[in-house]
Amino acid sequence: MTAERLFDLKSISKSFSKGKESIAIFEGLNMVIDKGDFVAIMGPSGSGKTTLLNMLGGVDKPTKGEILYAGKGIEKYSEGQLANWRAAHIGFIFQFYNLMPMLTAAKNVELPLLLKKMSSSQRKKSVAAALELVGLADRAKHKPDELSGGQQQRVAIARAIVSDPDLLLCDEPTGDLDRATATEILETLQLLNKDFGKTIVMVTHDPAAAKYAKRCVHLDKGEFVEKELVA
């Protein structure tokens, strides 16, 4: 059975200007991400891992090349089109949670739904389901400073999945957590991938975290090297 292709990166180049000099992050990068994939991206600092993640999420655009999502070139979208596309298809999970400190867990999770045409009762049901999925149904009314780091990251995951996106983009999601808590978060991501079919791309420095993915690619000197994952 042929896998359904979600992303196709074709000859992607990215550079930025520093004074009169143009500095290339990567040139001619190619990558395919199938629906249901779980890809870990590793590589040294400055290799462009987060830049690549931002391009997959439509936050940044390539200097050259095509980024095809379901066959459509998102690099040609306007900022308004990209915002609508992100809201419909992408969920972001960051290292430092990015929660609003004055809002409860439930209100933080609800934020992406405010961009959609949904009734208050529909939003409430979706928020409850997302918090239940990450094991925080009993923490809905707690604010971030009343939660542990692991619980805050679970709220962030619930926020990322509440609008039922196709793709989760995770930038060092366990980088600020102890090993036991990191394992819980990675098991949650693995559950979302295996049982709910979410496609996940995760940037990580941690080889132990990368083993939770289906495949691992190393980005170094502007090129990908696929590595076997050892169980």
Protein backbone atom coordinates (compact mmCIF):
# COMPACT_ATOMS: atom_id res chain seq x y z
CA MET A 1 0.00 0.00 0.00
CA THR A 2 1.51 3.31 -1.09
CA ALA A 3 1.81 5.94 1.64
CA GLU A 4 0.02 9.24 1.12
CA ARG A 5 2.50 12.06 0.69
CA LEU A 6 1.89 15.04 2.96
CA PHE A 7 4.96 17.22 2.32
CA ASP A 8 7.41 17.29 -0.55
CA LEU A 9 10.35 19.69 -0.19
CA LYS A 10 12.03 20.23 -3.55
CA SER A 11 15.48 21.85 -3.81
CA ILE A 12 14.90 24.11 -0.81
CA SER A 13 17.49 26.81 -0.20
CA LYS A 14 17.55 29.31 2.65
CA SER A 15 19.99 32.15 3.19
CA PHE A 16 20.05 35.41 5.11
CA SER A 17 21.97 38.63 4.73
CA LYS A 18 24.61 39.75 7.19
CA GLY A 19 25.77 43.16 6.07
CA LYS A 20 26.77 42.77 2.43
CA GLU A 21 27.31 39.03 2.86
CA SER A 22 24.78 36.31 2.07
CA ILE A 23 25.00 33.31 4.41
CA ALA A 24 23.42 30.03 3.32
CA ILE A 25 21.76 27.84 5.95
CA PHE A 26 21.10 25.08 3.44
CA GLU A 27 20.99 24.69 -0.32
CA GLY A 28 19.10 22.27 -2.54
CA LEU A 29 17.50 20.37 0.35
CA ASN A 30 15.00 17.63 -0.54
CA MET A 31 12.66 15.83 1.84
CA VAL A 32 9.46 13.79 1.71
CA ILE A 33 7.10 13.43 4.69
CA ASP A 34 4.26 10.92 4.38
CA LYS A 35 0.98 11.11 6.19
CA GLY A 36 1.31 9.28 9.53
CA ASP A 37 5.09 9.68 9.64
CA PHE A 38 6.98 10.56 12.84
CA VAL A 39 10.29 12.15 11.93
CA ALA A 40 12.99 13.26 14.36
CA ILE A 41 15.37 15.92 13.04
CA MET A 42 18.76 16.15 14.71
CA GLY A 43 21.90 18.12 13.97
CA PRO A 44 24.38 20.61 15.43
CA SER A 45 23.36 24.09 16.57
CA GLY A 46 23.05 26.45 13.64
CA SER A 47 22.35 23.67 11.14
CA GLY A 48 18.90 25.07 10.36
CA LYS A 49 16.64 22.62 12.22
CA THR A 50 14.27 25.24 13.62
CA THR A 51 14.36 27.18 10.35
CA LEU A 52 13.23 24.04 8.54
CA LEU A 53 10.46 23.49 11.08
CA ASN A 54 9.29 27.08 10.60
CA MET A 55 9.19 26.59 6.83
CA LEU A 56 7.10 23.43 7.24
CA GLY A 57 4.72 25.49 9.35
CA GLY A 58 4.57 28.36 6.90
CA VAL A 59 6.16 30.75 9.41
CA ASP A 60 9.24 31.22 7.21
CA LYS A 61 9.68 30.93 3.44
CA PRO A 62 12.53 29.41 1.44
CA THR A 63 14.84 31.63 -0.57
CA LYS A 64 14.48 29.14 -3.42
CA GLY A 65 12.62 25.89 -4.05
CA GLU A 66 9.16 24.48 -3.47
CA ILE A 67 7.34 23.32 -0.35
CA LEU A 68 4.41 21.21 -1.51
CA TYR A 69 1.66 20.36 0.97
CA ALA A 70 -0.79 17.83 -0.46
CA GLY A 71 0.58 18.84 -3.86
CA LYS A 72 0.13 22.61 -3.40
CA GLY A 73 3.06 25.03 -3.15
CA ILE A 74 2.58 26.84 0.15
CA GLU A 75 5.66 29.01 -0.46
CA LYS A 76 3.49 30.97 -2.94
CA TYR A 77 0.74 31.67 -0.40
CA SER A 78 0.12 35.19 0.90
CA GLU A 79 0.49 35.84 4.64
CA GLY A 80 -3.29 35.69 5.01
CA GLN A 81 -3.50 32.39 3.14
CA LEU A 82 -0.68 30.98 5.26
CA ALA A 83 -2.41 32.02 8.48
CA ASN A 84 -5.61 30.25 7.41
CA TRP A 85 -3.66 27.19 6.25
CA ARG A 86 -1.77 26.97 9.57
CA ALA A 87 -4.98 27.27 11.57
CA ALA A 88 -6.52 24.40 9.59
CA HIS A 89 -3.58 22.00 9.35
CA ILE A 90 -0.71 22.72 11.80
CA GLY A 91 -0.19 22.36 15.54
CA PHE A 92 2.96 23.78 17.18
CA ILE A 93 4.63 22.47 20.36
CA PHE A 94 7.58 24.42 21.78
CA GLN A 95 10.28 23.80 24.38
CA PHE A 96 9.03 26.51 26.77
CA TYR A 97 5.27 25.84 26.45
CA ASN A 98 4.30 29.44 25.49
CA LEU A 99 1.21 29.38 27.70
CA MET A 100 -0.66 32.53 28.69
CA PRO A 101 0.03 32.86 32.45
CA MET A 102 -3.24 34.63 33.27
CA LEU A 103 -5.42 31.96 31.62
CA THR A 104 -6.49 28.56 32.94
CA ALA A 105 -5.39 25.37 31.21
CA ALA A 106 -8.78 25.13 29.50
CA LYS A 107 -8.63 28.73 28.27
CA ASN A 108 -5.09 28.22 26.96
CA VAL A 109 -6.20 25.13 25.04
CA GLU A 110 -9.22 27.01 23.67
CA LEU A 111 -7.14 29.76 22.02
CA PRO A 112 -6.74 28.15 18.55
CA LEU A 113 -10.49 27.51 18.41
CA LEU A 114 -11.25 31.22 18.71
CA LEU A 115 -10.13 31.53 15.07
CA LYS A 116 -12.77 29.04 13.97
CA LYS A 117 -16.51 29.40 13.52
CA MET A 118 -17.59 27.32 16.49
CA SER A 119 -20.15 27.79 19.22
CA SER A 120 -19.03 28.16 22.82
CA SER A 121 -20.41 24.70 23.64
CA GLN A 122 -18.53 23.12 20.71
CA ARG A 123 -15.29 24.75 21.87
CA LYS A 124 -15.88 23.53 25.41
CA LYS A 125 -16.36 19.92 24.22
CA SER A 126 -13.23 20.04 22.06
CA VAL A 127 -11.14 21.49 24.91
CA ALA A 128 -12.41 18.85 27.35
CA ALA A 129 -11.58 16.06 24.87
CA ALA A 130 -8.05 17.40 24.28
CA LEU A 131 -7.32 17.72 28.01
CA GLU A 132 -8.72 14.23 28.60
CA LEU A 133 -6.43 12.83 25.92
CA VAL A 134 -3.31 14.24 27.60
CA GLY A 135 -4.47 13.18 31.07
CA LEU A 136 -5.27 16.63 32.44
CA ALA A 137 -9.06 16.65 32.65
CA ASP A 138 -8.80 17.37 36.38
CA ARG A 139 -6.49 20.36 35.84
CA ALA A 140 -8.70 22.36 33.46
CA LYS A 141 -9.17 25.26 35.88
CA HIS A 142 -5.53 25.48 36.98
CA LYS A 143 -3.29 28.29 35.72
CA PRO A 144 0.23 27.54 34.43
CA ASP A 145 1.97 28.51 37.67
CA GLU A 146 -0.16 25.90 39.46
CA LEU A 147 1.11 23.14 37.17
CA SER A 148 4.41 21.27 36.90
CA GLY A 149 6.61 21.62 33.84
CA GLY A 150 5.37 18.32 32.46
CA GLN A 151 1.75 19.31 33.03
CA GLN A 152 2.34 22.64 31.29
CA GLN A 153 3.78 20.82 28.29
CA ARG A 154 0.73 18.55 28.27
CA VAL A 155 -1.47 21.64 28.16
CA ALA A 156 0.63 22.86 25.24
CA ILE A 157 0.11 19.52 23.46
CA ALA A 158 -3.64 19.72 24.11
CA ARG A 159 -3.64 23.23 22.63
CA ALA A 160 -1.76 21.94 19.57
CA ILE A 161 -4.21 19.09 18.91
CA VAL A 162 -7.51 20.73 19.88
CA SER A 163 -8.25 21.87 16.33
CA ASP A 164 -7.44 18.37 14.98
CA PRO A 165 -4.46 19.37 12.78
CA ASP A 166 -2.84 17.03 10.26
CA LEU A 167 0.70 17.84 11.37
CA LEU A 168 2.37 18.49 14.73
CA LEU A 169 5.63 20.45 14.63
CA CYS A 170 7.62 20.02 17.84
CA ASP A 171 10.69 22.13 18.59
CA GLU A 172 12.68 20.50 21.43
CA PRO A 173 9.44 19.50 23.24
CA THR A 174 11.31 17.77 26.09
CA GLY A 175 14.34 20.07 26.28
CA ASP A 176 13.25 21.69 29.55
CA LEU A 177 12.05 18.52 31.29
CA ASP A 178 13.62 15.82 33.48
CA ARG A 179 14.01 12.35 31.98
CA ALA A 180 10.92 10.79 33.59
CA THR A 181 8.68 13.67 32.56
CA ALA A 182 10.24 13.76 29.10
CA THR A 183 9.40 10.07 28.67
CA GLU A 184 5.75 10.78 29.52
CA ILE A 185 5.60 13.56 26.93
CA LEU A 186 7.27 11.40 24.25
CA GLU A 187 4.88 8.54 24.97
CA THR A 188 2.00 10.98 24.51
CA LEU A 189 3.40 12.06 21.13
CA GLN A 190 3.87 8.42 20.14
CA LEU A 191 0.24 7.73 21.10
CA LEU A 192 -0.95 10.64 18.95
CA ASN A 193 1.06 9.25 16.05
CA LYS A 194 0.15 5.56 16.36
CA ASP A 195 -3.44 5.68 17.59
CA PHE A 196 -4.67 8.99 16.15
CA GLY A 197 -2.66 9.11 12.94
CA LYS A 198 -1.02 12.47 13.59
CA THR A 199 2.00 13.23 11.44
CA ILE A 200 4.81 14.55 13.66
CA VAL A 201 8.07 16.32 12.88
CA MET A 202 10.21 16.81 15.99
CA VAL A 203 13.46 18.72 16.34
CA THR A 204 15.56 17.35 19.19
CA HIS A 205 19.14 17.24 20.48
CA ASP A 206 18.34 14.14 22.53
CA PRO A 207 19.08 10.73 20.95
CA ALA A 208 16.79 9.08 23.54
CA ALA A 209 13.91 11.29 22.38
CA ALA A 210 14.66 10.57 18.71
CA LYS A 211 14.13 6.85 19.34
CA TYR A 212 10.41 7.49 19.81
CA ALA A 213 10.17 8.54 16.17
CA LYS A 214 9.74 6.19 13.22
CA ARG A 215 12.82 7.62 11.52
CA CYS A 216 15.57 10.08 12.27
CA VAL A 217 17.35 12.43 9.89
CA HIS A 218 20.47 14.45 10.69
CA LEU A 219 20.77 17.91 9.21
CA ASP A 220 24.40 18.89 8.86
CA LYS A 221 26.16 21.27 6.48
CA GLY A 222 22.94 21.80 4.56
CA GLU A 223 22.30 18.12 3.88
CA PHE A 224 20.15 15.34 5.32
CA VAL A 225 21.61 12.02 6.39
CA GLU A 226 19.00 9.43 7.39
CA LYS A 227 20.02 7.35 10.41
CA GLU A 228 18.71 4.00 11.58
CA LEU A 229 16.95 4.12 14.94
CA VAL A 230 18.18 1.54 17.44
CA ALA A 231 15.39 0.21 19.67
